[in-house]
Protein backbone atom coordinates (compact mmCIF):
# COMPACT_ATOMS: atom_id res chain seq x y z
CA MET A 1 11.00 -7.64 27.07
CA PRO A 2 12.38 -4.17 27.82
CA ASN A 3 9.55 -2.01 29.15
CA ASN A 4 11.30 1.27 28.30
CA ARG A 5 10.98 0.70 24.55
CA PRO A 6 7.69 1.41 22.76
CA LEU A 7 5.57 -1.54 21.79
CA VAL A 8 5.09 -2.18 18.05
CA SER A 9 1.90 -3.95 16.98
CA ILE A 10 2.12 -6.07 13.81
CA LEU A 11 -1.41 -6.28 12.40
CA MET A 12 -2.10 -9.14 10.01
CA PRO A 13 -5.29 -10.02 8.13
CA LEU A 14 -5.43 -13.72 7.28
CA TYR A 15 -7.50 -15.26 4.52
CA ASN A 16 -6.65 -18.62 2.91
CA ALA A 17 -2.90 -18.11 3.27
CA GLU A 18 -2.09 -21.62 4.53
CA PRO A 19 1.00 -21.99 2.28
CA PHE A 20 2.53 -18.73 3.56
CA ILE A 21 1.35 -17.95 7.10
CA MET A 22 4.04 -20.03 8.81
CA ALA A 23 6.88 -18.25 7.00
CA THR A 24 5.31 -14.85 7.71
CA LEU A 25 4.86 -15.51 11.43
CA GLU A 26 8.43 -16.83 11.67
CA ASN A 27 9.56 -13.66 9.91
CA CYS A 28 7.77 -11.56 12.53
CA LEU A 29 9.29 -13.55 15.39
CA ALA A 30 12.74 -13.11 13.83
CA GLN A 31 12.55 -9.30 13.95
CA THR A 32 15.52 -7.93 15.86
CA TYR A 33 13.34 -5.37 17.63
CA PRO A 34 12.24 -7.28 20.73
CA HIS A 35 9.17 -5.40 21.93
CA ILE A 36 6.44 -6.47 19.50
CA GLU A 37 3.01 -8.00 19.56
CA ILE A 38 1.50 -9.86 16.60
CA ILE A 39 -2.25 -9.66 16.09
CA VAL A 40 -3.76 -11.98 13.49
CA VAL A 41 -7.39 -11.60 12.40
CA ASP A 42 -8.71 -14.50 10.35
CA ASP A 43 -11.27 -13.36 7.79
CA GLY A 44 -13.30 -16.56 7.47
CA SER A 45 -10.58 -18.74 5.94
CA THR A 46 -11.61 -22.07 4.45
CA ASP A 47 -8.13 -23.63 4.58
CA ASN A 48 -5.90 -24.54 7.54
CA GLY A 49 -4.25 -21.11 7.87
CA LEU A 50 -6.25 -20.25 10.99
CA GLU A 51 -5.24 -23.48 12.72
CA ILE A 52 -1.57 -22.79 11.97
CA ALA A 53 -1.83 -19.28 13.40
CA GLN A 54 -3.63 -20.56 16.51
CA GLU A 55 -0.91 -23.15 17.06
CA TYR A 56 1.70 -20.37 16.98
CA ALA A 57 -0.36 -18.38 19.47
CA THR A 58 -0.26 -21.26 21.96
CA LYS A 59 3.55 -21.25 21.79
CA HIS A 60 4.23 -17.51 21.74
CA GLU A 61 2.63 -15.18 24.27
CA ASN A 62 3.05 -12.14 22.00
CA ILE A 63 0.82 -13.64 19.27
CA SER A 64 -2.96 -13.20 19.49
CA VAL A 65 -5.45 -14.63 16.99
CA TYR A 66 -9.00 -13.41 16.44
CA THR A 67 -11.66 -14.46 13.97
CA GLN A 68 -14.44 -12.75 12.04
CA PRO A 69 -16.93 -13.77 9.33
CA ASN A 70 -15.55 -13.14 5.85
CA SER A 71 -15.70 -9.34 5.55
CA GLY A 72 -12.54 -8.38 3.68
CA ALA A 73 -9.02 -7.31 4.62
CA PRO A 74 -9.97 -3.71 5.55
CA ARG A 75 -12.38 -4.95 8.23
CA ALA A 76 -9.74 -7.40 9.48
CA ARG A 77 -7.19 -4.57 9.76
CA ASN A 78 -9.69 -2.38 11.61
CA HIS A 79 -10.46 -5.31 13.92
CA ALA A 80 -6.75 -5.84 14.57
CA PHE A 81 -6.21 -2.13 15.29
CA GLU A 82 -9.00 -2.23 17.87
CA LYS A 83 -7.05 -4.94 19.70
CA ALA A 84 -3.60 -3.36 19.28
CA LYS A 85 -1.78 -1.87 22.26
CA GLY A 86 1.33 -0.63 20.48
CA MET A 87 2.48 2.96 20.11
CA TYR A 88 3.56 2.11 16.56
CA ILE A 89 1.66 0.10 13.97
CA GLN A 90 3.13 -2.26 11.38
CA TYR A 91 0.64 -3.62 8.85
CA LEU A 92 1.69 -6.90 7.23
CA ASP A 93 -0.24 -9.21 4.92
CA ALA A 94 -0.10 -12.92 5.67
CA ASP A 95 1.99 -13.76 2.59
CA ASP A 96 4.56 -10.93 2.73
CA LEU A 97 7.89 -10.60 4.53
CA MET A 98 10.25 -8.00 6.01
CA SER A 99 14.00 -7.80 6.45
CA LYS A 100 14.85 -8.85 10.01
CA ASN A 101 16.01 -5.34 10.93
CA LYS A 102 12.95 -3.59 9.45
CA ILE A 103 11.20 -2.65 12.65
CA ALA A 104 14.42 -2.15 14.65
CA SER A 105 15.87 0.25 12.08
CA GLN A 106 12.68 2.29 11.80
CA MET A 107 12.24 2.39 15.57
CA ALA A 108 15.83 3.65 15.91
CA LEU A 109 14.85 6.51 13.61
CA ALA A 110 11.69 7.09 15.67
CA GLN A 111 13.82 7.32 18.81
CA LYS A 112 16.15 9.77 17.06
CA TYR A 113 13.15 12.05 16.52
CA ASP A 114 11.89 11.56 20.11
CA TYR A 115 8.99 9.37 18.94
CA ASP A 116 7.34 12.35 17.27
CA PRO A 117 3.78 11.15 16.43
CA ALA A 118 3.67 13.30 13.28
CA LEU A 119 6.40 11.28 11.53
CA MET A 120 6.03 8.23 9.29
CA PHE A 121 8.76 5.78 8.36
CA SER A 122 9.10 4.13 4.95
CA SER A 123 11.15 1.32 3.45
CA LYS A 124 12.31 0.02 0.08
CA PHE A 125 10.53 -3.02 -1.32
CA SER A 126 11.17 -5.99 -3.58
CA TYR A 127 9.01 -8.47 -5.45
CA PHE A 128 9.49 -12.18 -4.87
CA THR A 129 7.73 -15.42 -5.78
CA ASP A 130 9.23 -18.25 -3.75
CA THR A 131 12.11 -17.08 -1.56
CA ILE A 132 13.50 -13.64 -0.78
CA GLU A 133 16.86 -14.78 -2.13
CA ASP A 134 15.24 -14.41 -5.55
CA ALA A 135 13.68 -11.02 -4.75
CA VAL A 136 14.03 -8.16 -7.22
CA TYR A 137 14.36 -4.65 -5.81
CA PHE A 138 11.75 -2.32 -7.31
CA LYS A 139 13.66 0.98 -7.34
CA GLN A 140 11.43 4.04 -7.16
CA ARG A 141 11.91 7.80 -7.30
CA ILE A 142 10.15 8.12 -3.94
CA ASP A 143 12.79 6.04 -2.15
CA HIS A 144 14.07 8.87 0.04
CA SER A 145 12.92 11.05 2.92
CA TYR A 146 10.47 13.93 2.51
CA GLU A 147 9.96 17.08 4.53
CA GLY A 148 6.19 16.66 4.35
CA GLY A 149 3.64 13.99 3.62
CA VAL A 150 2.01 16.08 0.88
CA GLU A 151 5.34 16.20 -0.97
CA TRP A 152 5.50 12.39 -0.84
CA LEU A 153 1.95 12.08 -2.21
CA VAL A 154 2.56 14.52 -5.06
CA ASP A 155 5.76 12.74 -6.07
CA ALA A 156 4.16 9.29 -5.84
CA TRP A 157 1.03 10.28 -7.77
CA SER A 158 3.16 11.99 -10.44
CA GLY A 159 4.77 8.74 -11.47
CA GLY A 160 7.40 8.49 -8.74
CA GLY A 161 6.16 5.16 -7.37
CA PHE A 162 3.89 3.86 -4.66
CA GLY A 163 4.03 2.71 -1.07
CA VAL A 164 3.30 -0.86 -0.05
CA VAL A 165 1.32 -1.75 3.05
CA MET A 166 4.18 -3.39 4.94
CA GLY A 167 6.69 -0.66 4.06
CA TRP A 168 5.26 1.83 6.54
CA LEU A 169 5.76 2.07 10.28
CA THR A 170 3.24 4.54 11.68
CA HIS A 171 2.53 6.10 15.05
CA ARG A 172 -0.94 5.07 16.15
CA ARG A 173 -1.93 8.71 16.69
CA LEU A 174 -1.63 9.40 12.95
CA ILE A 175 -3.88 6.41 12.22
CA GLU A 176 -6.42 7.53 14.79
CA LYS A 177 -6.53 10.95 13.12
CA ALA A 178 -6.87 9.41 9.66
CA GLY A 179 -9.71 7.08 10.60
CA GLU A 180 -10.45 3.47 9.80
CA TRP A 181 -9.73 1.53 6.62
CA ASN A 182 -12.56 2.01 4.12
CA GLU A 183 -14.45 -1.28 4.22
CA SER A 184 -16.57 -0.49 1.15
CA LEU A 185 -13.65 -0.46 -1.31
CA LYS A 186 -12.88 -3.66 -3.21
CA LYS A 187 -9.58 -2.40 -4.63
CA ASN A 188 -6.87 0.12 -3.74
CA GLN A 189 -7.96 0.15 -0.10
CA ASP A 190 -4.32 0.62 0.93
CA GLY A 191 -3.75 3.57 -1.40
CA GLU A 192 -6.85 5.33 -0.12
CA PHE A 193 -6.10 4.60 3.54
CA PHE A 194 -2.48 5.70 3.44
CA SER A 195 -3.36 8.84 1.47
CA ARG A 196 -5.30 9.87 4.58
CA VAL A 197 -2.45 8.95 6.88
CA VAL A 198 0.47 10.33 4.87
CA VAL A 199 -1.16 13.69 4.17
CA GLN A 200 -1.07 14.41 7.92
CA ALA A 201 2.59 13.47 8.34
CA GLU A 202 4.97 16.36 8.91
CA ARG A 203 7.84 14.25 7.63
CA VAL A 204 8.35 10.90 5.86
CA VAL A 205 11.63 9.31 6.95
CA MET A 206 13.17 6.60 4.78
CA SER A 207 15.11 3.76 6.41
CA ASP A 208 17.74 3.07 3.76
CA ASP A 209 18.98 -0.19 5.26
CA THR A 210 15.66 -2.05 5.30
CA MET A 211 13.63 -3.99 2.74
CA VAL A 212 10.12 -5.42 2.61
CA TYR A 213 9.12 -8.23 0.28
CA TYR A 214 5.88 -8.32 -1.68
CA ARG A 215 4.95 -11.84 -2.73
CA ARG A 216 3.61 -12.35 -6.24
CA THR A 217 0.90 -14.98 -5.86
CA GLY A 218 -0.49 -14.98 -9.42
CA SER A 219 -3.95 -14.31 -10.80
CA THR A 220 -5.72 -15.19 -7.55
CA SER A 221 -4.49 -12.06 -5.78
CA VAL A 222 -6.93 -9.19 -5.28
CA SER A 223 -4.61 -6.74 -7.06
CA SER A 224 -4.74 -8.78 -10.28
CA GLN A 225 -8.53 -8.90 -10.58
CA PHE A 226 -9.73 -7.25 -13.78
CA LYS A 227 -13.46 -6.82 -13.26
CA GLU A 228 -15.80 -3.88 -13.62
CA SER A 229 -16.44 -3.89 -9.87
CA ALA A 230 -12.70 -3.65 -9.22
CA ALA A 231 -12.35 -0.86 -11.79
CA ALA A 232 -15.27 1.05 -10.25
CA SER A 233 -13.74 0.64 -6.80
CA THR A 234 -10.38 1.92 -8.04
CA LEU A 235 -12.06 4.97 -9.54
CA GLN A 236 -13.93 5.56 -6.30
CA SER A 237 -10.62 5.44 -4.40
CA LEU A 238 -9.20 8.13 -6.70
CA LYS A 239 -12.20 10.35 -6.02
CA LEU A 240 -11.58 9.82 -2.31
CA TYR A 241 -7.96 10.91 -2.84
CA GLU A 242 -9.36 14.29 -3.84
CA GLU A 243 -11.48 14.46 -0.70
CA ASN A 244 -8.55 13.43 1.46
CA VAL A 245 -6.39 16.35 0.29
CA LYS A 246 -9.18 18.89 -0.07
CA GLY A 247 -8.19 22.37 1.03
CA ILE A 248 -4.44 21.69 0.89
CA GLU A 249 -2.38 24.18 -1.11
CA HIS A 250 0.52 22.72 -3.08
CA PRO A 251 1.69 23.77 -6.56
CA GLY A 252 1.81 20.22 -7.95
CA LEU A 253 -1.17 18.68 -6.20
CA GLN A 254 -3.89 19.26 -8.82
CA LYS A 255 -1.75 17.84 -11.61
CA ALA A 256 -0.79 14.86 -9.46
CA LEU A 257 -4.49 14.12 -8.89
CA ALA A 258 -5.08 14.38 -12.66
CA TYR A 259 -2.24 11.90 -13.23
CA ASN A 260 -4.09 9.39 -11.04
CA TYR A 261 -7.10 9.52 -13.37
CA LEU A 262 -4.83 9.35 -16.42
CA GLY A 263 -3.27 6.21 -14.94
CA PHE A 264 -6.74 4.75 -14.46
CA ILE A 265 -7.60 5.36 -18.13
CA THR A 266 -4.26 3.88 -19.21
CA ASN A 267 -4.73 0.73 -17.13
CA TYR A 268 -8.33 0.02 -18.11
CA TYR A 269 -8.49 1.21 -21.72
CA PRO A 270 -10.57 0.27 -23.72
CA HIS A 271 -12.79 -1.48 -21.16
CA PHE A 272 -15.66 0.08 -19.20
CA PRO A 273 -16.13 3.21 -21.38
CA HIS A 274 -18.48 4.85 -18.87
CA LEU A 275 -15.79 4.68 -16.17
CA LEU A 276 -13.13 5.98 -18.58
CA LYS A 277 -15.42 8.88 -19.45
CA GLU A 278 -15.94 9.67 -15.78
CA ALA A 279 -12.17 9.69 -15.19
CA ASP A 280 -11.76 12.03 -18.17
CA GLU A 281 -14.36 14.38 -16.71
CA HIS A 282 -12.40 14.52 -13.45
CA ILE A 283 -9.23 15.43 -15.37
CA LYS A 284 -11.11 18.32 -17.02
CA ARG A 285 -12.54 19.46 -13.70
CA LEU A 286 -9.02 19.60 -12.29
CA GLY A 287 -8.11 22.00 -15.09
CA PHE A 288 -6.31 19.69 -17.52
CA ASN A 289 -6.91 18.14 -20.93
CA PHE A 290 -6.70 14.36 -21.19
CA ARG A 291 -4.98 14.44 -24.58
CA THR A 292 -2.30 16.97 -23.64
CA LEU A 293 -1.68 15.72 -20.10
CA GLU A 294 1.60 13.98 -20.74
CA THR A 295 2.00 10.45 -19.46
CA PRO A 296 4.36 10.31 -16.44
CA GLY A 297 7.47 8.22 -17.03
CA LYS A 298 9.37 7.20 -20.14
CA LEU A 299 6.44 7.70 -22.51
CA GLY A 300 5.97 11.31 -21.44
CA ILE A 301 8.12 12.72 -24.24
CA LEU A 302 6.17 10.78 -26.88
CA ALA A 303 2.89 11.89 -25.30
CA LYS A 304 3.92 15.52 -25.78
CA VAL A 305 4.24 14.84 -29.52
CA ILE A 306 1.27 12.59 -30.30
CA GLY A 307 -0.93 13.08 -27.22
CA SER A 308 -1.63 10.86 -24.22
CA ASP A 309 -4.69 9.37 -25.90
CA ASN A 310 -2.60 8.02 -28.78
CA VAL A 311 0.10 6.75 -26.39
CA ILE A 312 -2.55 4.84 -24.45
CA ARG A 313 -3.95 3.30 -27.64
CA MET A 314 -0.42 2.39 -28.76
CA ARG A 315 0.35 0.73 -25.41
CA TYR A 316 -2.87 -1.27 -25.59
CA TRP A 317 -2.16 -2.63 -29.07
CA MET A 318 1.48 -3.37 -28.20
CA LYS A 319 0.29 -5.42 -25.22
CA ARG A 320 -2.16 -7.31 -27.40
CA VAL A 321 0.50 -8.12 -29.97
CA LYS A 322 2.91 -9.20 -27.25
CA SER A 323 0.30 -11.48 -25.65
CA ARG A 324 -0.14 -13.38 -28.93
CA PHE A 325 3.50 -14.47 -28.82
CA HIS A 326 3.46 -15.70 -25.22
């Protein structure tokens, strides 16, 4: 491996991903950037995923496998970061994939900017179920470069889209400044973590020729859990967003934070009224009115006419009617 090129550490939490871990490790090994290490942390799996990863480690010197009692993906990512030696960090879940040029293309951009530690690199992403040949590109308004991390956050929180874990390539110094993954959150750990990282970035650089692939695994995935504990954790992550950007002056930041709470109400209505009320109180504290805060996206025009509260109720009943016919 060429010693004059920075090492990239691919950090992978592993939990009961036996059907996918082989394809993901092969995907890592197929990256066209040659100077990588792959660090897998098994989070107390009960299937054969750990054994598969360990077998790969015996055959490839750049793969290391560690284990921990079941503690959640954030702890596994923190554990992996503690072991990582790379200048740049690539997070990757054990069931997701990247285009073969993903790391090479982003590292070429990093070299162009003299490996400036204040820059982050982003990528487009697609959803897939079985093979990436069937992947569907999820086009977002945020799919371009930004002069500052705060600008990216404001645009994303205002309905422009969201970043996925494996889309980022990040200098380790930014992560060290941001701090560890929050191990107490049950949901939206990635959104909270990267809000701390991105807000420090002086520039977000998009690699237009790369793609990452988010696997839809059905109702068993953490992101699809619809429980009060998950809702409470999501709300807690939104409150942490506010803490993470506290003291930053930006004309659209307060409204973007309010949109996060509006999105929470939209997603969870009419469940957990006490959490919905708390989100509404945060919108008021930010200086906005829940009813007149127009919904970001296509329903925004309608919200201006009938109010966001009525749009949310309408969406809920439309979803219920639709579910009866499927």
